[in-house]
Amino acid sequence: MLRRRQSREMAFCEALTNSVVGIAVSWVFTFTALPLLGLEPTAADATIITACYFVLSVVRSYLLRRLFDVL
């Protein structure tokens, strides 16, 4: 059975969509979970941390999608 390859644009779109959906969850988790560990992040701190994870998530998802598309 031949499998149609996903285009680079669609792989990026999928990775970006997945990451955008995860932003709210990540921000809420960062803002609420860190106090349980004794850290008190401000909303700005939680936003910066979430932004960093967002960028890493998009890159990771895109690269993994491209890798699995080759396999």
N, C-alpha and C. Protein backbone atom coordinates (compact mmCIF):
# COMPACT_ATOMS: atom_id res chain seq x y z
N MET A 1 0.84 -1.18 0.00
CA MET A 1 0.00 0.00 0.00
C MET A 1 0.89 1.24 0.00
N LEU A 2 0.69 2.09 -0.97
CA LEU A 2 1.48 3.32 -1.05
C LEU A 2 0.88 4.38 -0.12
N ARG A 3 1.79 5.04 0.54
CA ARG A 3 1.37 6.08 1.48
C ARG A 3 1.75 7.42 0.89
N ARG A 4 0.80 8.33 0.89
CA ARG A 4 1.06 9.67 0.37
C ARG A 4 1.84 10.46 1.41
N ARG A 5 2.94 11.06 0.99
CA ARG A 5 3.78 11.84 1.90
C ARG A 5 3.13 13.17 2.22
N GLN A 6 3.33 13.60 3.44
CA GLN A 6 2.83 14.90 3.86
C GLN A 6 3.80 15.98 3.39
N SER A 7 3.29 17.07 2.84
CA SER A 7 4.17 18.14 2.38
C SER A 7 4.82 18.82 3.59
N ARG A 8 5.90 19.50 3.34
CA ARG A 8 6.58 20.23 4.41
C ARG A 8 5.67 21.28 5.00
N GLU A 9 4.88 21.92 4.16
CA GLU A 9 3.97 22.95 4.65
C GLU A 9 2.91 22.36 5.56
N MET A 10 2.37 21.21 5.17
CA MET A 10 1.34 20.56 6.00
C MET A 10 1.95 20.01 7.29
N ALA A 11 3.19 19.53 7.22
CA ALA A 11 3.86 19.05 8.43
C ALA A 11 4.05 20.21 9.40
N PHE A 12 4.45 21.37 8.87
CA PHE A 12 4.60 22.55 9.72
C PHE A 12 3.25 22.99 10.27
N CYS A 13 2.21 22.99 9.44
CA CYS A 13 0.87 23.38 9.87
C CYS A 13 0.38 22.46 10.99
N GLU A 14 0.60 21.16 10.84
CA GLU A 14 0.19 20.22 11.88
C GLU A 14 0.96 20.47 13.17
N ALA A 15 2.27 20.66 13.07
CA ALA A 15 3.09 20.92 14.25
C ALA A 15 2.66 22.22 14.94
N LEU A 16 2.39 23.24 14.15
CA LEU A 16 1.97 24.53 14.70
C LEU A 16 0.61 24.42 15.37
N THR A 17 -0.34 23.75 14.73
CA THR A 17 -1.67 23.57 15.31
C THR A 17 -1.59 22.82 16.63
N ASN A 18 -0.82 21.75 16.65
CA ASN A 18 -0.65 20.97 17.87
C ASN A 18 -0.08 21.83 18.99
N SER A 19 0.88 22.65 18.65
CA SER A 19 1.52 23.49 19.66
C SER A 19 0.61 24.62 20.14
N VAL A 20 -0.15 25.21 19.23
CA VAL A 20 -1.08 26.28 19.62
C VAL A 20 -2.13 25.74 20.59
N VAL A 21 -2.64 24.56 20.31
CA VAL A 21 -3.61 23.95 21.21
C VAL A 21 -3.00 23.73 22.59
N GLY A 22 -1.71 23.38 22.61
CA GLY A 22 -1.04 23.13 23.88
C GLY A 22 -0.64 24.38 24.65
N ILE A 23 -0.70 25.56 24.03
CA ILE A 23 -0.28 26.79 24.70
C ILE A 23 -1.10 27.05 25.97
N ALA A 24 -2.40 26.99 25.86
CA ALA A 24 -3.25 27.29 27.02
C ALA A 24 -2.98 26.31 28.16
N VAL A 25 -2.87 25.04 27.81
CA VAL A 25 -2.60 24.03 28.83
C VAL A 25 -1.25 24.28 29.48
N SER A 26 -0.26 24.60 28.68
CA SER A 26 1.08 24.86 29.20
C SER A 26 1.12 26.08 30.11
N TRP A 27 0.45 27.15 29.69
CA TRP A 27 0.46 28.38 30.49
C TRP A 27 -0.23 28.15 31.83
N VAL A 28 -1.39 27.52 31.79
CA VAL A 28 -2.12 27.26 33.04
C VAL A 28 -1.30 26.34 33.94
N PHE A 29 -0.71 25.31 33.35
CA PHE A 29 0.10 24.38 34.14
C PHE A 29 1.29 25.10 34.77
N THR A 30 2.00 25.91 33.98
CA THR A 30 3.15 26.65 34.50
C THR A 30 2.74 27.58 35.62
N PHE A 31 1.64 28.29 35.41
CA PHE A 31 1.18 29.30 36.38
C PHE A 31 0.66 28.65 37.66
N THR A 32 0.13 27.43 37.57
CA THR A 32 -0.44 26.77 38.75
C THR A 32 0.47 25.71 39.37
N ALA A 33 1.28 25.05 38.58
CA ALA A 33 2.11 23.96 39.11
C ALA A 33 3.37 24.46 39.80
N LEU A 34 3.98 25.51 39.29
CA LEU A 34 5.22 26.00 39.90
C LEU A 34 5.03 26.42 41.36
N PRO A 35 3.90 27.03 41.73
CA PRO A 35 3.71 27.32 43.15
C PRO A 35 3.70 26.06 44.02
N LEU A 36 3.29 24.96 43.47
CA LEU A 36 3.32 23.70 44.23
C LEU A 36 4.75 23.27 44.52
N LEU A 37 5.69 23.78 43.73
CA LEU A 37 7.11 23.47 43.91
C LEU A 37 7.83 24.58 44.67
N GLY A 38 7.06 25.53 45.19
CA GLY A 38 7.66 26.61 45.96
C GLY A 38 8.10 27.80 45.13
N LEU A 39 7.77 27.82 43.85
CA LEU A 39 8.11 28.94 42.98
C LEU A 39 6.86 29.77 42.74
N GLU A 40 7.01 31.07 42.66
CA GLU A 40 5.87 31.96 42.47
C GLU A 40 6.04 32.77 41.18
N PRO A 41 5.71 32.18 40.04
CA PRO A 41 5.87 32.92 38.78
C PRO A 41 4.77 33.98 38.62
N THR A 42 5.13 35.08 38.02
CA THR A 42 4.12 36.07 37.64
C THR A 42 3.49 35.61 36.33
N ALA A 43 2.44 36.30 35.92
CA ALA A 43 1.82 35.96 34.63
C ALA A 43 2.83 36.15 33.50
N ALA A 44 3.67 37.18 33.62
CA ALA A 44 4.70 37.42 32.59
C ALA A 44 5.72 36.28 32.57
N ASP A 45 6.13 35.82 33.75
CA ASP A 45 7.07 34.68 33.82
C ASP A 45 6.47 33.45 33.15
N ALA A 46 5.21 33.16 33.47
CA ALA A 46 4.53 32.00 32.90
C ALA A 46 4.43 32.13 31.38
N THR A 47 4.21 33.35 30.91
CA THR A 47 4.11 33.58 29.47
C THR A 47 5.45 33.35 28.78
N ILE A 48 6.52 33.82 29.36
CA ILE A 48 7.86 33.62 28.78
C ILE A 48 8.22 32.14 28.76
N ILE A 49 7.98 31.45 29.86
CA ILE A 49 8.27 30.02 29.93
C ILE A 49 7.45 29.27 28.88
N THR A 50 6.17 29.61 28.78
CA THR A 50 5.30 28.97 27.80
C THR A 50 5.76 29.24 26.38
N ALA A 51 6.19 30.47 26.10
CA ALA A 51 6.68 30.82 24.76
C ALA A 51 7.90 29.98 24.39
N CYS A 52 8.80 29.79 25.34
CA CYS A 52 9.98 28.96 25.09
C CYS A 52 9.58 27.53 24.77
N TYR A 53 8.67 26.97 25.57
CA TYR A 53 8.21 25.61 25.31
C TYR A 53 7.46 25.52 23.98
N PHE A 54 6.75 26.58 23.61
CA PHE A 54 6.01 26.60 22.35
C PHE A 54 6.97 26.46 21.17
N VAL A 55 8.01 27.26 21.17
CA VAL A 55 8.99 27.21 20.07
C VAL A 55 9.63 25.83 20.01
N LEU A 56 10.05 25.32 21.14
CA LEU A 56 10.66 23.98 21.17
C LEU A 56 9.67 22.92 20.69
N SER A 57 8.42 23.05 21.05
CA SER A 57 7.41 22.07 20.66
C SER A 57 7.17 22.07 19.15
N VAL A 58 7.08 23.26 18.55
CA VAL A 58 6.87 23.35 17.10
C VAL A 58 8.04 22.72 16.36
N VAL A 59 9.25 23.08 16.75
CA VAL A 59 10.44 22.53 16.08
C VAL A 59 10.50 21.02 16.25
N ARG A 60 10.28 20.54 17.47
CA ARG A 60 10.32 19.09 17.73
C ARG A 60 9.28 18.36 16.91
N SER A 61 8.04 18.85 16.92
CA SER A 61 6.97 18.19 16.17
C SER A 61 7.25 18.16 14.68
N TYR A 62 7.72 19.28 14.16
CA TYR A 62 8.02 19.36 12.73
C TYR A 62 9.11 18.37 12.34
N LEU A 63 10.20 18.36 13.10
CA LEU A 63 11.31 17.47 12.78
C LEU A 63 10.92 16.00 12.90
N LEU A 64 10.17 15.67 13.93
CA LEU A 64 9.73 14.28 14.07
C LEU A 64 8.78 13.87 12.95
N ARG A 65 7.89 14.78 12.56
CA ARG A 65 6.96 14.49 11.46
C ARG A 65 7.73 14.24 10.18
N ARG A 66 8.73 15.07 9.91
CA ARG A 66 9.54 14.90 8.71
C ARG A 66 10.33 13.58 8.77
N LEU A 67 10.87 13.25 9.94
CA LEU A 67 11.61 12.00 10.10
C LEU A 67 10.71 10.79 9.83
N PHE A 68 9.53 10.78 10.44
CA PHE A 68 8.63 9.64 10.26
C PHE A 68 8.07 9.58 8.84
N ASP A 69 8.02 10.71 8.18
CA ASP A 69 7.54 10.71 6.80
C ASP A 69 8.57 10.04 5.88
N VAL A 70 9.84 10.13 6.24
CA VAL A 70 10.90 9.51 5.44
C VAL A 70 10.95 8.00 5.68
N LEU A 71 10.65 7.58 6.88
CA LEU A 71 10.74 6.15 7.23
C LEU A 71 9.70 5.30 6.55
